[in-house]
C-alpha cells in the first residue's frame, strides 16, 4: 500500500519543494560547471529503474571526459575537477536526481541505480533490488556506502525492498542528512569512485 500509492505522491511533493528551495544553489552550480566543463554542466547516463526499465539519470558533471588510451585510469581521482571535488564532497552532484523523482523514474529512497551492464550479472536474490524504484539515497548508503563491498551493498538493498515502510524511509533520509554533514562513509582518497562490479 505505502510503496505503491503513498510513496510516489510523497516523493513528488518533496522533490518539487526541494527543487524550488534549492534553485538558487542549483543555478550557481550550473553556471560554475558550465565554465569548468566547457558548456556541459550535466552528466546523463542510462540506468535501470524499477523492473529493469532503463531511464537517463541526471547529475552534475564532476569529472573530465575519459580519453581512450589515456594513462589515467577511468576511475582515477585525477579526472575529478576541483569544483567537481567540492560538489562530490557534499553530495551536491546527486541533487539533480530530484528531477528524476519528479518524472517518476526514481524515488527519494531506494536502492541506488547502477549500470545497465550489471543487469545480466545479478543472481535471483540480487535482482530483487529492482522490484522498487531506485533512490537518491538508500539503506546501503547509510550503512557503509563506498566503504563496503558489492555483495554487502546488494544484501542491504534487498533487505530494504523486503522491509520497506514510511518509518524506514524517514530514518534513511535523516541518517543520510547526518552523513552528508559529517562527510562519512565516503572513500576520501581524492573522491575515488567504486570499482566496477564484475559479477558473482
N, C-alpha and C. Protein backbone atom coordinates (compact mmCIF):
# COMPACT_ATOMS: atom_id res chain seq x y z
N UNK A 1 0.84 -1.20 0.00
CA UNK A 1 0.00 0.00 0.00
C UNK A 1 0.88 1.26 0.00
N UNK A 2 1.79 1.34 0.96
CA UNK A 2 2.65 2.52 1.08
C UNK A 2 3.52 2.71 -0.16
N UNK A 3 4.23 1.65 -0.56
CA UNK A 3 5.19 1.77 -1.66
C UNK A 3 4.53 1.98 -3.01
N UNK A 4 3.30 1.51 -3.17
CA UNK A 4 2.62 1.59 -4.46
C UNK A 4 1.85 2.90 -4.64
N UNK A 5 1.16 3.36 -3.59
CA UNK A 5 0.29 4.51 -3.72
C UNK A 5 0.80 5.77 -3.00
N UNK A 6 1.20 5.63 -1.75
CA UNK A 6 1.54 6.80 -0.93
C UNK A 6 2.95 7.32 -1.22
N UNK A 7 3.91 6.41 -1.30
CA UNK A 7 5.31 6.80 -1.50
C UNK A 7 5.52 7.64 -2.76
N UNK A 8 4.96 7.29 -3.93
CA UNK A 8 5.16 8.12 -5.13
C UNK A 8 4.63 9.55 -4.98
N UNK A 9 3.52 9.72 -4.27
CA UNK A 9 2.95 11.05 -4.07
C UNK A 9 3.86 11.88 -3.16
N UNK A 10 4.31 11.26 -2.07
CA UNK A 10 5.22 11.95 -1.15
C UNK A 10 6.52 12.33 -1.87
N UNK A 11 7.05 11.39 -2.65
CA UNK A 11 8.28 11.65 -3.41
C UNK A 11 8.11 12.88 -4.31
N UNK A 12 7.02 12.93 -5.04
CA UNK A 12 6.78 14.02 -5.99
C UNK A 12 6.70 15.35 -5.27
N UNK A 13 5.93 15.41 -4.20
CA UNK A 13 5.73 16.67 -3.48
C UNK A 13 7.02 17.17 -2.84
N UNK A 14 7.77 16.26 -2.19
CA UNK A 14 9.02 16.66 -1.55
C UNK A 14 10.05 17.09 -2.59
N UNK A 15 10.14 16.35 -3.71
CA UNK A 15 11.09 16.70 -4.76
C UNK A 15 10.78 18.08 -5.34
N UNK A 16 9.51 18.37 -5.54
CA UNK A 16 9.10 19.66 -6.09
C UNK A 16 9.47 20.80 -5.15
N UNK A 17 9.18 20.62 -3.87
CA UNK A 17 9.50 21.66 -2.88
C UNK A 17 11.01 21.87 -2.79
N UNK A 18 11.78 20.77 -2.76
CA UNK A 18 13.23 20.87 -2.65
C UNK A 18 13.85 21.56 -3.87
N UNK A 19 13.34 21.25 -5.05
CA UNK A 19 13.86 21.89 -6.26
C UNK A 19 13.63 23.41 -6.24
N UNK A 20 12.47 23.81 -5.74
CA UNK A 20 12.17 25.25 -5.64
C UNK A 20 13.09 25.91 -4.62
N UNK A 21 13.23 25.29 -3.45
CA UNK A 21 14.06 25.86 -2.39
C UNK A 21 15.54 25.89 -2.76
N UNK A 22 15.98 24.86 -3.48
CA UNK A 22 17.40 24.75 -3.82
C UNK A 22 17.75 25.40 -5.16
N UNK A 23 16.78 25.99 -5.82
CA UNK A 23 17.02 26.54 -7.16
C UNK A 23 18.16 27.57 -7.21
N UNK A 24 18.33 28.46 -6.22
CA UNK A 24 19.48 29.38 -6.28
C UNK A 24 20.82 28.65 -6.26
N UNK A 25 20.95 27.64 -5.39
CA UNK A 25 22.18 26.86 -5.32
C UNK A 25 22.42 26.10 -6.62
N UNK A 26 21.37 25.49 -7.15
CA UNK A 26 21.49 24.73 -8.39
C UNK A 26 21.93 25.63 -9.54
N UNK A 27 21.38 26.85 -9.59
CA UNK A 27 21.73 27.78 -10.66
C UNK A 27 23.21 28.17 -10.58
N UNK A 28 23.71 28.43 -9.37
CA UNK A 28 25.12 28.77 -9.19
C UNK A 28 26.01 27.61 -9.64
N UNK A 29 25.65 26.39 -9.25
CA UNK A 29 26.45 25.22 -9.63
C UNK A 29 26.44 25.02 -11.15
N UNK A 30 25.29 25.23 -11.75
CA UNK A 30 25.18 25.08 -13.21
C UNK A 30 26.11 26.07 -13.92
N UNK A 31 26.11 27.32 -13.46
CA UNK A 31 26.94 28.35 -14.07
C UNK A 31 28.43 28.04 -13.90
N UNK A 32 28.82 27.61 -12.71
CA UNK A 32 30.22 27.26 -12.46
C UNK A 32 30.67 26.09 -13.33
N UNK A 33 29.82 25.06 -13.38
CA UNK A 33 30.18 23.86 -14.14
C UNK A 33 30.10 24.09 -15.65
N UNK A 34 29.29 25.06 -16.07
CA UNK A 34 29.26 25.44 -17.49
C UNK A 34 30.64 25.92 -17.93
N UNK A 35 31.28 26.69 -17.06
CA UNK A 35 32.60 27.22 -17.38
C UNK A 35 33.66 26.12 -17.30
N UNK A 36 33.67 25.38 -16.20
CA UNK A 36 34.70 24.36 -15.97
C UNK A 36 34.63 23.24 -17.01
N UNK A 37 33.41 22.85 -17.38
CA UNK A 37 33.23 21.71 -18.29
C UNK A 37 32.95 22.13 -19.72
N UNK A 38 33.35 23.35 -20.06
CA UNK A 38 33.23 23.83 -21.44
C UNK A 38 31.82 23.72 -21.99
N UNK A 39 30.87 24.22 -21.20
CA UNK A 39 29.48 24.27 -21.66
C UNK A 39 28.66 23.04 -21.38
N UNK A 40 29.21 22.08 -20.62
CA UNK A 40 28.46 20.86 -20.33
C UNK A 40 28.41 20.62 -18.81
N UNK A 41 27.43 21.21 -18.13
CA UNK A 41 27.36 21.08 -16.67
C UNK A 41 26.72 19.78 -16.18
N UNK A 42 26.07 19.06 -17.11
CA UNK A 42 25.31 17.87 -16.70
C UNK A 42 25.95 16.58 -17.19
N UNK A 43 25.68 15.52 -16.43
CA UNK A 43 26.12 14.17 -16.79
C UNK A 43 24.87 13.31 -16.86
N UNK A 44 24.58 12.78 -18.05
CA UNK A 44 23.42 11.92 -18.22
C UNK A 44 23.89 10.51 -18.60
N UNK A 45 23.27 9.51 -18.00
CA UNK A 45 23.69 8.14 -18.27
C UNK A 45 22.50 7.19 -18.11
N UNK A 46 22.38 6.20 -19.00
CA UNK A 46 21.30 5.22 -18.85
C UNK A 46 21.49 4.39 -17.58
N UNK A 47 20.43 4.23 -16.84
CA UNK A 47 20.44 3.40 -15.63
C UNK A 47 19.16 2.58 -15.57
N UNK A 48 19.20 1.38 -15.00
CA UNK A 48 17.98 0.59 -14.88
C UNK A 48 17.15 1.03 -13.68
N UNK A 49 15.84 1.17 -13.90
CA UNK A 49 14.94 1.54 -12.82
C UNK A 49 14.12 0.36 -12.36
N UNK A 50 12.88 0.64 -11.95
CA UNK A 50 12.01 -0.43 -11.47
C UNK A 50 11.77 -1.45 -12.58
N UNK A 51 11.87 -2.72 -12.20
CA UNK A 51 11.72 -3.84 -13.13
C UNK A 51 12.75 -3.81 -14.26
N UNK A 52 13.86 -3.10 -14.04
CA UNK A 52 14.94 -3.06 -15.02
C UNK A 52 14.70 -2.10 -16.17
N UNK A 53 13.60 -1.32 -16.12
CA UNK A 53 13.31 -0.36 -17.20
C UNK A 53 14.38 0.74 -17.18
N UNK A 54 14.98 0.99 -18.33
CA UNK A 54 16.10 1.92 -18.41
C UNK A 54 15.61 3.37 -18.54
N UNK A 55 16.23 4.26 -17.80
CA UNK A 55 15.96 5.69 -17.88
C UNK A 55 17.30 6.43 -17.86
N UNK A 56 17.29 7.73 -18.09
CA UNK A 56 18.52 8.50 -18.05
C UNK A 56 18.62 9.28 -16.74
N UNK A 57 19.63 8.93 -15.95
CA UNK A 57 19.86 9.63 -14.70
C UNK A 57 20.59 10.93 -14.99
N UNK A 58 20.30 11.97 -14.19
CA UNK A 58 20.95 13.26 -14.41
C UNK A 58 21.72 13.66 -13.15
N UNK A 59 22.97 14.04 -13.35
CA UNK A 59 23.83 14.50 -12.27
C UNK A 59 24.61 15.71 -12.75
N UNK A 60 25.26 16.38 -11.80
CA UNK A 60 26.22 17.41 -12.20
C UNK A 60 27.49 16.71 -12.67
N UNK A 61 28.09 17.25 -13.71
CA UNK A 61 29.32 16.67 -14.27
C UNK A 61 30.51 17.06 -13.40
N UNK A 62 31.14 16.08 -12.75
CA UNK A 62 32.22 16.36 -11.81
C UNK A 62 33.59 15.87 -12.29
N UNK A 63 33.61 15.14 -13.41
CA UNK A 63 34.87 14.57 -13.90
C UNK A 63 35.15 15.02 -15.33
N UNK A 64 36.43 15.11 -15.65
CA UNK A 64 36.83 15.38 -17.03
C UNK A 64 36.49 14.16 -17.88
N UNK A 65 36.23 14.37 -19.16
CA UNK A 65 35.91 13.26 -20.05
C UNK A 65 37.07 12.27 -20.10
N UNK A 66 36.71 10.98 -20.13
CA UNK A 66 37.74 9.93 -20.22
C UNK A 66 38.18 9.79 -21.68
N UNK A 67 39.48 9.78 -21.88
CA UNK A 67 40.03 9.63 -23.22
C UNK A 67 40.60 8.23 -23.39
N UNK A 68 40.01 7.42 -24.27
CA UNK A 68 40.53 6.06 -24.50
C UNK A 68 42.03 6.09 -24.84
N UNK A 69 42.78 5.19 -24.22
CA UNK A 69 44.21 5.15 -24.46
C UNK A 69 45.00 6.03 -23.52
N UNK A 70 44.29 6.80 -22.69
CA UNK A 70 44.96 7.67 -21.74
C UNK A 70 45.64 6.85 -20.65
N UNK A 71 46.72 7.39 -20.10
CA UNK A 71 47.42 6.73 -19.00
C UNK A 71 46.66 6.87 -17.69
N UNK A 72 45.66 7.75 -17.67
CA UNK A 72 44.84 7.95 -16.48
C UNK A 72 43.68 6.97 -16.49
N UNK A 73 43.57 6.16 -15.44
CA UNK A 73 42.51 5.16 -15.33
C UNK A 73 41.14 5.83 -15.31
N UNK A 74 40.12 5.13 -15.81
CA UNK A 74 38.78 5.68 -15.87
C UNK A 74 38.24 6.03 -14.49
N UNK A 75 38.72 5.30 -13.44
CA UNK A 75 38.27 5.56 -12.08
C UNK A 75 39.23 6.46 -11.31
N UNK A 76 40.24 6.98 -11.98
CA UNK A 76 41.27 7.76 -11.30
C UNK A 76 40.71 9.06 -10.71
N UNK A 77 41.14 9.41 -9.49
CA UNK A 77 40.72 10.68 -8.88
C UNK A 77 41.23 11.89 -9.65
N UNK A 78 42.23 11.69 -10.52
CA UNK A 78 42.78 12.80 -11.30
C UNK A 78 41.77 13.35 -12.31
N UNK A 79 40.73 12.57 -12.61
CA UNK A 79 39.70 13.03 -13.54
C UNK A 79 38.70 13.98 -12.89
N UNK A 80 38.69 14.02 -11.56
CA UNK A 80 37.75 14.89 -10.85
C UNK A 80 38.26 16.33 -10.88
N UNK A 81 37.43 17.25 -11.33
CA UNK A 81 37.81 18.66 -11.37
C UNK A 81 37.78 19.24 -9.95
N UNK A 82 38.47 20.36 -9.72
CA UNK A 82 38.44 20.98 -8.38
C UNK A 82 37.03 21.30 -7.89
N UNK A 83 36.22 21.89 -8.77
CA UNK A 83 34.84 22.18 -8.40
C UNK A 83 34.05 20.88 -8.25
N UNK A 84 34.36 19.93 -9.13
CA UNK A 84 33.71 18.63 -9.04
C UNK A 84 34.00 17.95 -7.71
N UNK A 85 35.23 18.12 -7.22
CA UNK A 85 35.60 17.54 -5.93
C UNK A 85 34.77 18.12 -4.80
N UNK A 86 34.56 19.44 -4.84
CA UNK A 86 33.72 20.11 -3.84
C UNK A 86 32.28 19.62 -3.93
N UNK A 87 31.77 19.51 -5.15
CA UNK A 87 30.40 19.06 -5.37
C UNK A 87 30.21 17.64 -4.84
N UNK A 88 31.19 16.77 -5.08
CA UNK A 88 31.11 15.40 -4.59
C UNK A 88 31.23 15.32 -3.08
N UNK A 89 32.12 16.14 -2.52
CA UNK A 89 32.38 16.12 -1.08
C UNK A 89 31.10 16.30 -0.29
N UNK A 90 30.21 17.15 -0.79
CA UNK A 90 28.95 17.42 -0.10
C UNK A 90 27.75 16.76 -0.79
N UNK A 91 28.03 15.79 -1.68
CA UNK A 91 26.98 15.04 -2.39
C UNK A 91 26.03 15.94 -3.17
N UNK A 92 26.51 17.10 -3.61
CA UNK A 92 25.67 18.01 -4.38
C UNK A 92 25.40 17.50 -5.79
N UNK A 93 26.25 16.58 -6.26
CA UNK A 93 26.06 16.03 -7.61
C UNK A 93 24.78 15.21 -7.72
N UNK A 94 24.24 14.79 -6.56
CA UNK A 94 23.04 13.97 -6.57
C UNK A 94 21.75 14.79 -6.62
N UNK A 95 21.84 16.10 -6.36
CA UNK A 95 20.64 16.93 -6.22
C UNK A 95 19.76 16.94 -7.47
N UNK A 96 20.39 16.90 -8.65
CA UNK A 96 19.60 16.96 -9.88
C UNK A 96 18.71 15.73 -10.08
N UNK A 97 18.98 14.67 -9.32
CA UNK A 97 18.14 13.49 -9.43
C UNK A 97 16.73 13.73 -8.89
N UNK A 98 16.55 14.89 -8.24
CA UNK A 98 15.19 15.29 -7.86
C UNK A 98 14.32 15.43 -9.10
N UNK A 99 14.95 15.78 -10.23
CA UNK A 99 14.21 15.85 -11.50
C UNK A 99 13.76 14.44 -11.90
N UNK A 100 14.63 13.45 -11.71
CA UNK A 100 14.25 12.06 -11.99
C UNK A 100 13.10 11.60 -11.09
N UNK A 101 13.08 12.11 -9.86
CA UNK A 101 11.99 11.77 -8.94
C UNK A 101 10.68 12.37 -9.45
N UNK A 102 10.73 13.63 -9.89
CA UNK A 102 9.53 14.28 -10.44
C UNK A 102 8.99 13.51 -11.65
N UNK A 103 9.90 13.00 -12.46
CA UNK A 103 9.50 12.27 -13.67
C UNK A 103 8.97 10.88 -13.36
N UNK A 104 9.20 10.40 -12.12
CA UNK A 104 8.73 9.07 -11.75
C UNK A 104 9.73 7.97 -12.01
N UNK A 105 10.93 8.33 -12.45
CA UNK A 105 11.97 7.33 -12.70
C UNK A 105 12.59 6.82 -11.40
N UNK A 106 12.64 7.71 -10.41
CA UNK A 106 13.31 7.39 -9.16
C UNK A 106 12.44 7.76 -7.96
N UNK A 107 12.90 7.32 -6.80
CA UNK A 107 12.28 7.68 -5.53
C UNK A 107 13.32 8.43 -4.70
N UNK A 108 12.89 9.09 -3.64
CA UNK A 108 13.85 9.71 -2.74
C UNK A 108 14.70 8.64 -2.06
N UNK A 109 14.06 7.51 -1.72
CA UNK A 109 14.74 6.42 -1.02
C UNK A 109 14.54 5.11 -1.76
N UNK A 110 15.62 4.38 -1.95
CA UNK A 110 15.56 3.10 -2.63
C UNK A 110 16.97 2.64 -2.98
N UNK A 111 17.13 1.47 -3.52
CA UNK A 111 18.46 1.02 -3.95
C UNK A 111 19.02 1.97 -5.01
N UNK A 112 20.29 2.29 -4.93
CA UNK A 112 20.89 3.19 -5.92
C UNK A 112 20.84 2.57 -7.31
N UNK A 113 20.52 3.37 -8.35
CA UNK A 113 20.51 2.84 -9.72
C UNK A 113 21.94 2.65 -10.21
N UNK A 114 22.29 1.44 -10.59
CA UNK A 114 23.64 1.13 -11.02
C UNK A 114 23.73 1.09 -12.55
N UNK A 115 24.77 0.49 -13.08
CA UNK A 115 24.97 0.49 -14.52
C UNK A 115 24.08 -0.55 -15.22
N UNK A 116 23.68 -0.25 -16.44
CA UNK A 116 22.82 -1.14 -17.22
C UNK A 116 23.52 -2.48 -17.47
N UNK A 117 24.84 -2.43 -17.65
CA UNK A 117 25.56 -3.67 -17.95
C UNK A 117 25.60 -4.65 -16.79
N UNK A 118 25.17 -4.22 -15.61
CA UNK A 118 25.13 -5.14 -14.47
C UNK A 118 23.89 -6.04 -14.50
N UNK A 119 22.86 -5.65 -15.25
CA UNK A 119 21.59 -6.36 -15.23
C UNK A 119 21.71 -7.87 -15.42
N UNK A 120 22.47 -8.37 -16.42
CA UNK A 120 22.55 -9.82 -16.59
C UNK A 120 23.45 -10.52 -15.56
N UNK A 121 24.13 -9.75 -14.73
CA UNK A 121 25.07 -10.33 -13.77
C UNK A 121 24.44 -10.66 -12.42
N UNK A 122 23.26 -10.11 -12.14
CA UNK A 122 22.62 -10.36 -10.85
C UNK A 122 22.13 -11.79 -10.74
N UNK A 123 22.22 -12.36 -9.53
CA UNK A 123 21.55 -13.64 -9.30
C UNK A 123 20.10 -13.33 -8.92
N UNK A 124 19.30 -14.37 -8.71
CA UNK A 124 17.87 -14.18 -8.48
C UNK A 124 17.60 -13.31 -7.24
N UNK A 125 18.38 -13.50 -6.19
CA UNK A 125 18.18 -12.73 -4.97
C UNK A 125 18.55 -11.26 -5.19
N UNK A 126 19.68 -11.01 -5.82
CA UNK A 126 20.14 -9.64 -6.04
C UNK A 126 19.21 -8.86 -6.96
N UNK A 127 18.56 -9.59 -7.87
CA UNK A 127 17.66 -8.95 -8.83
C UNK A 127 16.44 -8.32 -8.15
N UNK A 128 16.15 -8.72 -6.91
CA UNK A 128 15.01 -8.16 -6.17
C UNK A 128 15.16 -6.66 -5.94
N UNK A 129 16.39 -6.15 -6.01
CA UNK A 129 16.62 -4.72 -5.79
C UNK A 129 15.89 -3.87 -6.84
N UNK A 130 15.48 -4.52 -7.95
CA UNK A 130 14.76 -3.80 -8.99
C UNK A 130 13.25 -3.94 -8.88
N UNK A 131 12.79 -4.48 -7.75
CA UNK A 131 11.34 -4.59 -7.53
C UNK A 131 10.73 -3.26 -7.12
N UNK A 132 11.57 -2.29 -6.79
CA UNK A 132 11.10 -0.95 -6.43
C UNK A 132 11.87 0.08 -7.25
N UNK A 133 11.41 1.32 -7.23
CA UNK A 133 12.13 2.37 -7.94
C UNK A 133 13.45 2.66 -7.22
N UNK A 134 14.50 2.92 -7.97
CA UNK A 134 15.78 3.27 -7.33
C UNK A 134 15.68 4.61 -6.63
N UNK A 135 16.60 4.85 -5.69
CA UNK A 135 16.52 6.06 -4.89
C UNK A 135 17.76 6.94 -4.97
N UNK A 136 17.59 8.19 -4.54
CA UNK A 136 18.72 9.11 -4.43
C UNK A 136 19.61 8.66 -3.28
N UNK A 137 18.97 8.16 -2.22
CA UNK A 137 19.70 7.55 -1.11
C UNK A 137 19.02 6.24 -0.76
N UNK A 138 19.69 5.44 0.06
CA UNK A 138 19.13 4.14 0.39
C UNK A 138 19.74 3.51 1.63
N UNK A 139 19.27 2.32 1.95
CA UNK A 139 19.73 1.61 3.14
C UNK A 139 21.22 1.32 3.08
N UNK A 140 21.72 0.98 1.90
CA UNK A 140 23.16 0.70 1.75
C UNK A 140 23.98 1.98 1.93
N UNK A 141 23.41 3.13 1.53
CA UNK A 141 24.15 4.40 1.61
C UNK A 141 24.35 4.85 3.06
N UNK A 142 23.45 4.48 3.95
CA UNK A 142 23.63 4.88 5.35
C UNK A 142 24.30 3.77 6.17
N UNK A 143 24.61 2.66 5.51
CA UNK A 143 25.26 1.55 6.20
C UNK A 143 26.59 1.16 5.55
N UNK A 144 27.32 2.18 5.11
CA UNK A 144 28.64 1.89 4.57
C UNK A 144 28.96 2.59 3.27
N UNK A 145 27.94 2.75 2.40
CA UNK A 145 28.14 3.44 1.12
C UNK A 145 29.35 2.86 0.36
N UNK A 146 30.38 3.67 0.10
CA UNK A 146 31.53 3.21 -0.67
C UNK A 146 32.58 2.47 0.14
N UNK A 147 32.30 2.24 1.43
CA UNK A 147 33.28 1.55 2.26
C UNK A 147 32.97 0.06 2.41
N UNK A 148 31.87 -0.40 1.80
CA UNK A 148 31.52 -1.82 1.84
C UNK A 148 31.60 -2.40 0.44
N UNK A 149 31.68 -3.74 0.35
CA UNK A 149 31.83 -4.35 -0.97
C UNK A 149 30.47 -4.53 -1.64
N UNK A 150 30.50 -4.96 -2.90
CA UNK A 150 29.28 -5.05 -3.69
C UNK A 150 28.27 -6.02 -3.09
N UNK A 151 28.73 -7.19 -2.64
CA UNK A 151 27.80 -8.19 -2.10
C UNK A 151 27.08 -7.66 -0.87
N UNK A 152 27.80 -6.92 -0.03
CA UNK A 152 27.16 -6.31 1.14
C UNK A 152 26.12 -5.28 0.72
N UNK A 153 26.46 -4.48 -0.30
CA UNK A 153 25.51 -3.49 -0.81
C UNK A 153 24.22 -4.15 -1.27
N UNK A 154 24.36 -5.24 -2.03
CA UNK A 154 23.19 -5.90 -2.58
C UNK A 154 22.33 -6.52 -1.48
N UNK A 155 22.95 -7.07 -0.45
CA UNK A 155 22.20 -7.64 0.67
C UNK A 155 21.39 -6.56 1.38
N UNK A 156 22.01 -5.39 1.55
CA UNK A 156 21.32 -4.26 2.18
C UNK A 156 20.17 -3.75 1.30
N UNK A 157 20.39 -3.72 -0.01
CA UNK A 157 19.35 -3.29 -0.94
C UNK A 157 18.13 -4.22 -0.87
N UNK A 158 18.39 -5.51 -0.89
CA UNK A 158 17.30 -6.50 -0.86
C UNK A 158 16.57 -6.43 0.48
N UNK A 159 17.32 -6.23 1.57
CA UNK A 159 16.68 -6.09 2.88
C UNK A 159 15.72 -4.92 2.86
N UNK A 160 16.12 -3.81 2.26
CA UNK A 160 15.25 -2.63 2.18
C UNK A 160 13.97 -2.96 1.42
N UNK A 161 14.13 -3.61 0.26
CA UNK A 161 12.96 -3.96 -0.57
C UNK A 161 11.98 -4.81 0.21
N UNK A 162 12.49 -5.72 1.03
CA UNK A 162 11.63 -6.64 1.78
C UNK A 162 11.08 -6.03 3.06
N UNK A 163 11.58 -4.86 3.46
CA UNK A 163 11.14 -4.25 4.71
C UNK A 163 10.71 -2.79 4.53
N UNK A 164 10.39 -2.40 3.33
CA UNK A 164 10.08 -1.02 3.01
C UNK A 164 8.89 -0.50 3.84
N UNK A 165 9.02 0.71 4.38
CA UNK A 165 7.95 1.33 5.16
C UNK A 165 8.22 2.83 5.24
N UNK A 166 7.21 3.59 5.63
CA UNK A 166 7.35 5.04 5.76
C UNK A 166 8.36 5.39 6.85
N UNK A 167 8.31 4.67 7.97
CA UNK A 167 9.24 4.95 9.08
C UNK A 167 10.68 4.64 8.66
N UNK A 168 10.88 3.58 7.90
CA UNK A 168 12.22 3.23 7.44
C UNK A 168 12.74 4.31 6.49
N UNK A 169 11.89 4.81 5.61
CA UNK A 169 12.30 5.88 4.69
C UNK A 169 12.69 7.14 5.45
N UNK A 170 11.91 7.50 6.46
CA UNK A 170 12.23 8.68 7.27
C UNK A 170 13.58 8.51 7.98
N UNK A 171 13.82 7.32 8.49
CA UNK A 171 15.08 7.02 9.17
C UNK A 171 16.26 7.16 8.20
N UNK A 172 16.09 6.66 6.99
CA UNK A 172 17.15 6.73 5.99
C UNK A 172 17.43 8.17 5.58
N UNK A 173 16.38 8.95 5.37
CA UNK A 173 16.55 10.36 4.99
C UNK A 173 17.28 11.13 6.10
N UNK A 174 16.88 10.90 7.34
CA UNK A 174 17.52 11.58 8.48
C UNK A 174 19.00 11.21 8.56
N UNK A 175 19.30 9.91 8.49
CA UNK A 175 20.69 9.46 8.62
C UNK A 175 21.53 9.90 7.42
N UNK A 176 20.90 10.01 6.24
CA UNK A 176 21.61 10.50 5.06
C UNK A 176 22.05 11.93 5.28
N UNK A 177 21.16 12.75 5.81
CA UNK A 177 21.46 14.16 6.08
C UNK A 177 22.65 14.27 7.05
N UNK A 178 22.63 13.47 8.09
CA UNK A 178 23.71 13.48 9.08
C UNK A 178 25.04 13.07 8.45
N UNK A 179 25.00 12.03 7.61
CA UNK A 179 26.24 11.55 6.98
C UNK A 179 26.79 12.54 5.97
N UNK A 180 25.91 13.25 5.27
CA UNK A 180 26.37 14.27 4.33
C UNK A 180 27.07 15.40 5.08
N UNK A 181 26.48 15.79 6.20
CA UNK A 181 27.07 16.86 7.01
C UNK A 181 28.44 16.43 7.54
N UNK A 182 28.52 15.17 8.00
CA UNK A 182 29.78 14.67 8.57
C UNK A 182 30.75 14.16 7.50
N UNK A 183 30.22 14.03 6.25
CA UNK A 183 31.03 13.50 5.13
C UNK A 183 31.60 12.14 5.47
N UNK A 184 30.78 11.27 6.05
CA UNK A 184 31.24 9.94 6.46
C UNK A 184 30.86 8.88 5.43
N UNK A 185 31.53 7.71 5.53
CA UNK A 185 31.30 6.55 4.66
C UNK A 185 31.57 6.84 3.20
N UNK A 186 32.52 7.73 2.93
CA UNK A 186 32.92 8.03 1.56
C UNK A 186 34.41 7.72 1.43
N UNK A 187 34.79 7.14 0.32
CA UNK A 187 36.22 6.94 0.07
C UNK A 187 36.84 8.31 -0.10
N UNK A 188 37.66 8.71 0.85
CA UNK A 188 38.16 10.08 0.83
C UNK A 188 39.51 10.24 0.14
N UNK A 189 40.01 9.17 -0.51
CA UNK A 189 41.27 9.34 -1.22
C UNK A 189 41.02 10.05 -2.54
N UNK A 190 40.80 11.37 -2.39
CA UNK A 190 40.57 12.26 -3.54
C UNK A 190 39.35 11.86 -4.36
N UNK A 191 38.27 11.48 -3.67
CA UNK A 191 36.99 11.22 -4.35
C UNK A 191 37.02 10.02 -5.29
N UNK A 192 37.86 9.07 -5.04
CA UNK A 192 37.91 7.90 -5.92
C UNK A 192 36.59 7.15 -5.88
N UNK A 193 36.12 6.71 -7.04
CA UNK A 193 34.83 6.04 -7.13
C UNK A 193 34.99 4.54 -6.92
N UNK A 194 33.84 3.87 -6.70
CA UNK A 194 33.84 2.42 -6.54
C UNK A 194 34.28 1.76 -7.85
N UNK A 195 35.05 0.67 -7.76
CA UNK A 195 35.40 -0.06 -8.97
C UNK A 195 34.17 -0.73 -9.57
N UNK A 196 34.20 -1.00 -10.85
CA UNK A 196 33.07 -1.65 -11.48
C UNK A 196 32.90 -3.06 -10.94
N UNK A 197 31.62 -3.50 -10.91
CA UNK A 197 31.30 -4.82 -10.41
C UNK A 197 31.47 -5.84 -11.55
N UNK A 198 32.14 -6.94 -11.25
CA UNK A 198 32.41 -7.95 -12.29
C UNK A 198 31.47 -9.14 -12.21
N UNK A 199 30.49 -9.07 -11.31
CA UNK A 199 29.54 -10.18 -11.17
C UNK A 199 29.92 -11.09 -10.01
N UNK A 200 29.08 -12.10 -9.77
CA UNK A 200 29.29 -13.00 -8.65
C UNK A 200 30.41 -14.01 -8.95
